[in-house]
Amino acid sequence: MSQTSSNSRKKSPLRKAPIVVIAAFLLLWLIGGATGEPGRVLEQAVQVCLSCIGIG
């Protein structure tokens, strides 16, 4: 009985791919924020919205 309970409690190895992907996302997110991309995206979104309703 103790053998089956020890087999079911084996720890799975740490997967590295999700950690690498999350780290890459955070790095690119920080670089984009530092270069002013959020403001540029918002500015372009406003222009598209204004042109869609016929104001701009």
PDB file of N, CA and C in Angstrom:
ATOM      1  N   MET A   1       0.818  -1.193   0.000  1.00  0.00           N
ATOM      2  CA  MET A   1       0.000   0.000   0.000  1.00  0.00           C
ATOM      3  C   MET A   1       0.861   1.256   0.000  1.00  0.00           C
ATOM      4  N   SER A   2       1.943   1.285   0.710  1.00  0.00           N
ATOM      5  CA  SER A   2       2.792   2.467   0.742  1.00  0.00           C
ATOM      6  C   SER A   2       3.481   2.708  -0.595  1.00  0.00           C
ATOM      7  N   GLN A   3       3.685   1.639  -1.362  1.00  0.00           N
ATOM      8  CA  GLN A   3       4.346   1.788  -2.650  1.00  0.00           C
ATOM      9  C   GLN A   3       3.444   2.531  -3.644  1.00  0.00           C
ATOM     10  N   THR A   4       2.156   2.256  -3.655  1.00  0.00           N
ATOM     11  CA  THR A   4       1.262   2.948  -4.583  1.00  0.00           C
ATOM     12  C   THR A   4       1.079   4.407  -4.192  1.00  0.00           C
ATOM     13  N   SER A   5       1.065   4.699  -2.905  1.00  0.00           N
ATOM     14  CA  SER A   5       0.908   6.084  -2.507  1.00  0.00           C
ATOM     15  C   SER A   5       2.176   6.890  -2.800  1.00  0.00           C
ATOM     16  N   SER A   6       3.341   6.273  -2.746  1.00  0.00           N
ATOM     17  CA  SER A   6       4.570   7.000  -3.065  1.00  0.00           C
ATOM     18  C   SER A   6       4.698   7.236  -4.568  1.00  0.00           C
ATOM     19  N   ASN A   7       4.160   6.318  -5.387  1.00  0.00           N
ATOM     20  CA  ASN A   7       4.207   6.509  -6.833  1.00  0.00           C
ATOM     21  C   ASN A   7       3.293   7.648  -7.271  1.00  0.00           C
ATOM     22  N   SER A   8       2.175   7.823  -6.609  1.00  0.00           N
ATOM     23  CA  SER A   8       1.246   8.866  -7.006  1.00  0.00           C
ATOM     24  C   SER A   8       1.691  10.253  -6.540  1.00  0.00           C
ATOM     25  N   ARG A   9       2.663  10.324  -5.652  1.00  0.00           N
ATOM     26  CA  ARG A   9       3.116  11.608  -5.131  1.00  0.00           C
ATOM     27  C   ARG A   9       4.449  12.066  -5.734  1.00  0.00           C
ATOM     28  N   LYS A  10       4.870  11.469  -6.837  1.00  0.00           N
ATOM     29  CA  LYS A  10       6.115  11.898  -7.474  1.00  0.00           C
ATOM     30  C   LYS A  10       5.935  13.306  -8.022  1.00  0.00           C
ATOM     31  N   LYS A  11       6.945  14.109  -7.818  1.00  0.00           N
ATOM     32  CA  LYS A  11       6.887  15.476  -8.327  1.00  0.00           C
ATOM     33  C   LYS A  11       7.272  15.485  -9.802  1.00  0.00           C
ATOM     34  N   SER A  12       6.532  16.264 -10.585  1.00  0.00           N
ATOM     35  CA  SER A  12       6.867  16.393 -11.993  1.00  0.00           C
ATOM     36  C   SER A  12       8.032  17.364 -12.128  1.00  0.00           C
ATOM     37  N   PRO A  13       8.858  17.174 -13.138  1.00  0.00           N
ATOM     38  CA  PRO A  13       9.995  18.082 -13.310  1.00  0.00           C
ATOM     39  C   PRO A  13       9.518  19.480 -13.676  1.00  0.00           C
ATOM     40  N   LEU A  14      10.290  20.482 -13.295  1.00  0.00           N
ATOM     41  CA  LEU A  14       9.962  21.873 -13.568  1.00  0.00           C
ATOM     42  C   LEU A  14      10.081  22.132 -15.068  1.00  0.00           C
ATOM     43  N   ARG A  15       9.006  22.635 -15.646  1.00  0.00           N
ATOM     44  CA  ARG A  15       9.027  22.931 -17.083  1.00  0.00           C
ATOM     45  C   ARG A  15       9.619  24.318 -17.279  1.00  0.00           C
ATOM     46  N   LYS A  16      10.585  24.421 -18.157  1.00  0.00           N
ATOM     47  CA  LYS A  16      11.307  25.680 -18.350  1.00  0.00           C
ATOM     48  C   LYS A  16      10.707  26.541 -19.448  1.00  0.00           C
ATOM     49  N   ALA A  17      10.039  25.951 -20.412  1.00  0.00           N
ATOM     50  CA  ALA A  17       9.507  26.716 -21.540  1.00  0.00           C
ATOM     51  C   ALA A  17       8.519  27.797 -21.108  1.00  0.00           C
ATOM     52  N   PRO A  18       7.540  27.516 -20.236  1.00  0.00           N
ATOM     53  CA  PRO A  18       6.628  28.605 -19.832  1.00  0.00           C
ATOM     54  C   PRO A  18       7.343  29.736 -19.102  1.00  0.00           C
ATOM     55  N   ILE A  19       8.354  29.416 -18.326  1.00  0.00           N
ATOM     56  CA  ILE A  19       9.097  30.441 -17.607  1.00  0.00           C
ATOM     57  C   ILE A  19       9.858  31.326 -18.588  1.00  0.00           C
ATOM     58  N   VAL A  20      10.453  30.720 -19.605  1.00  0.00           N
ATOM     59  CA  VAL A  20      11.193  31.477 -20.617  1.00  0.00           C
ATOM     60  C   VAL A  20      10.250  32.380 -21.405  1.00  0.00           C
ATOM     61  N   VAL A  21       9.079  31.861 -21.765  1.00  0.00           N
ATOM     62  CA  VAL A  21       8.115  32.657 -22.531  1.00  0.00           C
ATOM     63  C   VAL A  21       7.618  33.842 -21.704  1.00  0.00           C
ATOM     64  N   ILE A  22       7.309  33.612 -20.439  1.00  0.00           N
ATOM     65  CA  ILE A  22       6.838  34.702 -19.578  1.00  0.00           C
ATOM     66  C   ILE A  22       7.935  35.739 -19.378  1.00  0.00           C
ATOM     67  N   ALA A  23       9.177  35.296 -19.200  1.00  0.00           N
ATOM     68  CA  ALA A  23      10.291  36.233 -19.028  1.00  0.00           C
ATOM     69  C   ALA A  23      10.498  37.069 -20.290  1.00  0.00           C
ATOM     70  N   ALA A  24      10.384  36.441 -21.464  1.00  0.00           N
ATOM     71  CA  ALA A  24      10.536  37.177 -22.719  1.00  0.00           C
ATOM     72  C   ALA A  24       9.410  38.190 -22.883  1.00  0.00           C
ATOM     73  N   PHE A  25       8.181  37.802 -22.529  1.00  0.00           N
ATOM     74  CA  PHE A  25       7.051  38.721 -22.612  1.00  0.00           C
ATOM     75  C   PHE A  25       7.275  39.924 -21.708  1.00  0.00           C
ATOM     76  N   LEU A  26       7.690  39.689 -20.483  1.00  0.00           N
ATOM     77  CA  LEU A  26       7.903  40.793 -19.549  1.00  0.00           C
ATOM     78  C   LEU A  26       9.006  41.728 -20.030  1.00  0.00           C
ATOM     79  N   LEU A  27      10.070  41.171 -20.586  1.00  0.00           N
ATOM     80  CA  LEU A  27      11.164  41.988 -21.108  1.00  0.00           C
ATOM     81  C   LEU A  27      10.678  42.875 -22.251  1.00  0.00           C
ATOM     82  N   LEU A  28       9.944  42.293 -23.200  1.00  0.00           N
ATOM     83  CA  LEU A  28       9.441  43.075 -24.330  1.00  0.00           C
ATOM     84  C   LEU A  28       8.418  44.106 -23.879  1.00  0.00           C
ATOM     85  N   TRP A  29       7.615  43.758 -22.881  1.00  0.00           N
ATOM     86  CA  TRP A  29       6.623  44.690 -22.346  1.00  0.00           C
ATOM     87  C   TRP A  29       7.305  45.900 -21.707  1.00  0.00           C
ATOM     88  N   LEU A  30       8.363  45.654 -20.962  1.00  0.00           N
ATOM     89  CA  LEU A  30       9.099  46.745 -20.328  1.00  0.00           C
ATOM     90  C   LEU A  30       9.795  47.623 -21.361  1.00  0.00           C
ATOM     91  N   ILE A  31      10.363  47.017 -22.381  1.00  0.00           N
ATOM     92  CA  ILE A  31      11.025  47.785 -23.439  1.00  0.00           C
ATOM     93  C   ILE A  31      10.001  48.654 -24.173  1.00  0.00           C
ATOM     94  N   GLY A  32       8.844  48.089 -24.488  1.00  0.00           N
ATOM     95  CA  GLY A  32       7.798  48.851 -25.166  1.00  0.00           C
ATOM     96  C   GLY A  32       7.306  50.018 -24.322  1.00  0.00           C
ATOM     97  N   GLY A  33       7.144  49.780 -23.036  1.00  0.00           N
ATOM     98  CA  GLY A  33       6.708  50.855 -22.143  1.00  0.00           C
ATOM     99  C   GLY A  33       7.733  51.952 -22.010  1.00  0.00           C
ATOM    100  N   ALA A  34       9.003  51.578 -22.019  1.00  0.00           N
ATOM    101  CA  ALA A  34      10.072  52.560 -21.881  1.00  0.00           C
ATOM    102  C   ALA A  34      10.240  53.410 -23.139  1.00  0.00           C
ATOM    103  N   THR A  35       9.861  52.884 -24.292  1.00  0.00           N
ATOM    104  CA  THR A  35      10.029  53.628 -25.537  1.00  0.00           C
ATOM    105  C   THR A  35       8.796  54.435 -25.927  1.00  0.00           C
ATOM    106  N   GLY A  36       7.757  54.396 -25.099  1.00  0.00           N
ATOM    107  CA  GLY A  36       6.582  55.220 -25.362  1.00  0.00           C
ATOM    108  C   GLY A  36       5.554  54.595 -26.275  1.00  0.00           C
ATOM    109  N   GLU A  37       5.582  53.313 -26.462  1.00  0.00           N
ATOM    110  CA  GLU A  37       4.620  52.657 -27.337  1.00  0.00           C
ATOM    111  C   GLU A  37       3.169  52.782 -26.876  1.00  0.00           C
ATOM    112  N   PRO A  38       2.870  52.703 -25.572  1.00  0.00           N
ATOM    113  CA  PRO A  38       1.455  52.820 -25.178  1.00  0.00           C
ATOM    114  C   PRO A  38       0.823  54.139 -25.620  1.00  0.00           C
ATOM    115  N   GLY A  39       1.560  55.228 -25.514  1.00  0.00           N
ATOM    116  CA  GLY A  39       1.038  56.520 -25.952  1.00  0.00           C
ATOM    117  C   GLY A  39       0.811  56.567 -27.450  1.00  0.00           C
ATOM    118  N   ARG A  40       1.723  55.974 -28.195  1.00  0.00           N
ATOM    119  CA  ARG A  40       1.591  55.956 -29.657  1.00  0.00           C
ATOM    120  C   ARG A  40       0.390  55.120 -30.088  1.00  0.00           C
ATOM    121  N   VAL A  41       0.207  53.985 -29.439  1.00  0.00           N
ATOM    122  CA  VAL A  41      -0.929  53.122 -29.773  1.00  0.00           C
ATOM    123  C   VAL A  41      -2.240  53.828 -29.455  1.00  0.00           C
ATOM    124  N   LEU A  42      -2.303  54.502 -28.311  1.00  0.00           N
ATOM    125  CA  LEU A  42      -3.514  55.229 -27.945  1.00  0.00           C
ATOM    126  C   LEU A  42      -3.784  56.366 -28.932  1.00  0.00           C
ATOM    127  N   GLU A  43      -2.748  57.056 -29.336  1.00  0.00           N
ATOM    128  CA  GLU A  43      -2.898  58.153 -30.303  1.00  0.00           C
ATOM    129  C   GLU A  43      -3.442  57.638 -31.626  1.00  0.00           C
ATOM    130  N   GLN A  44      -2.931  56.515 -32.102  1.00  0.00           N
ATOM    131  CA  GLN A  44      -3.416  55.938 -33.353  1.00  0.00           C
ATOM    132  C   GLN A  44      -4.849  55.436 -33.207  1.00  0.00           C
ATOM    133  N   ALA A  45      -5.190  54.889 -32.039  1.00  0.00           N
ATOM    134  CA  ALA A  45      -6.552  54.401 -31.818  1.00  0.00           C
ATOM    135  C   ALA A  45      -7.543  55.555 -31.851  1.00  0.00           C
ATOM    136  N   VAL A  46      -7.168  56.682 -31.267  1.00  0.00           N
ATOM    137  CA  VAL A  46      -8.044  57.850 -31.286  1.00  0.00           C
ATOM    138  C   VAL A  46      -8.247  58.329 -32.718  1.00  0.00           C
ATOM    139  N   GLN A  47      -7.189  58.360 -33.501  1.00  0.00           N
ATOM    140  CA  GLN A  47      -7.304  58.794 -34.898  1.00  0.00           C
ATOM    141  C   GLN A  47      -8.212  57.862 -35.689  1.00  0.00           C
ATOM    142  N   VAL A  48      -8.091  56.558 -35.490  1.00  0.00           N
ATOM    143  CA  VAL A  48      -8.928  55.605 -36.205  1.00  0.00           C
ATOM    144  C   VAL A  48     -10.388  55.783 -35.794  1.00  0.00           C
ATOM    145  N   CYS A  49     -10.627  55.928 -34.503  1.00  0.00           N
ATOM    146  CA  CYS A  49     -12.009  56.099 -34.021  1.00  0.00           C
ATOM    147  C   CYS A  49     -12.631  57.381 -34.562  1.00  0.00           C
ATOM    148  N   LEU A  50     -11.864  58.469 -34.552  1.00  0.00           N
ATOM    149  CA  LEU A  50     -12.408  59.738 -35.044  1.00  0.00           C
ATOM    150  C   LEU A  50     -12.686  59.671 -36.540  1.00  0.00           C
ATOM    151  N   SER A  51     -11.847  58.985 -37.281  1.00  0.00           N
ATOM    152  CA  SER A  51     -12.091  58.880 -38.716  1.00  0.00           C
ATOM    153  C   SER A  51     -13.261  57.943 -39.015  1.00  0.00           C
ATOM    154  N   CYS A  52     -13.498  56.970 -38.147  1.00  0.00           N
ATOM    155  CA  CYS A  52     -14.630  56.057 -38.359  1.00  0.00           C
ATOM    156  C   CYS A  52     -15.963  56.762 -38.171  1.00  0.00           C
ATOM    157  N   ILE A  53     -16.036  57.688 -37.217  1.00  0.00           N
ATOM    158  CA  ILE A  53     -17.295  58.395 -37.003  1.00  0.00           C
ATOM    159  C   ILE A  53     -17.372  59.655 -37.870  1.00  0.00           C
ATOM    160  N   GLY A  54     -16.336  59.940 -38.630  1.00  0.00           N
ATOM    161  CA  GLY A  54     -16.403  61.039 -39.571  1.00  0.00           C
ATOM    162  C   GLY A  54     -16.033  62.391 -38.997  1.00  0.00           C
ATOM    163  N   ILE A  55     -15.390  62.417 -37.845  1.00  0.00           N
ATOM    164  CA  ILE A  55     -14.999  63.712 -37.264  1.00  0.00           C
ATOM    165  C   ILE A  55     -13.604  64.101 -37.728  1.00  0.00           C
ATOM    166  N   GLY A  56     -12.714  63.133 -37.769  1.00  0.00           N
ATOM    167  CA  GLY A  56     -11.330  63.472 -38.065  1.00  0.00           C
ATOM    168  C   GLY A  56     -10.977  63.074 -39.421  1.00  0.00           C
TER     169      GLY A  56
END
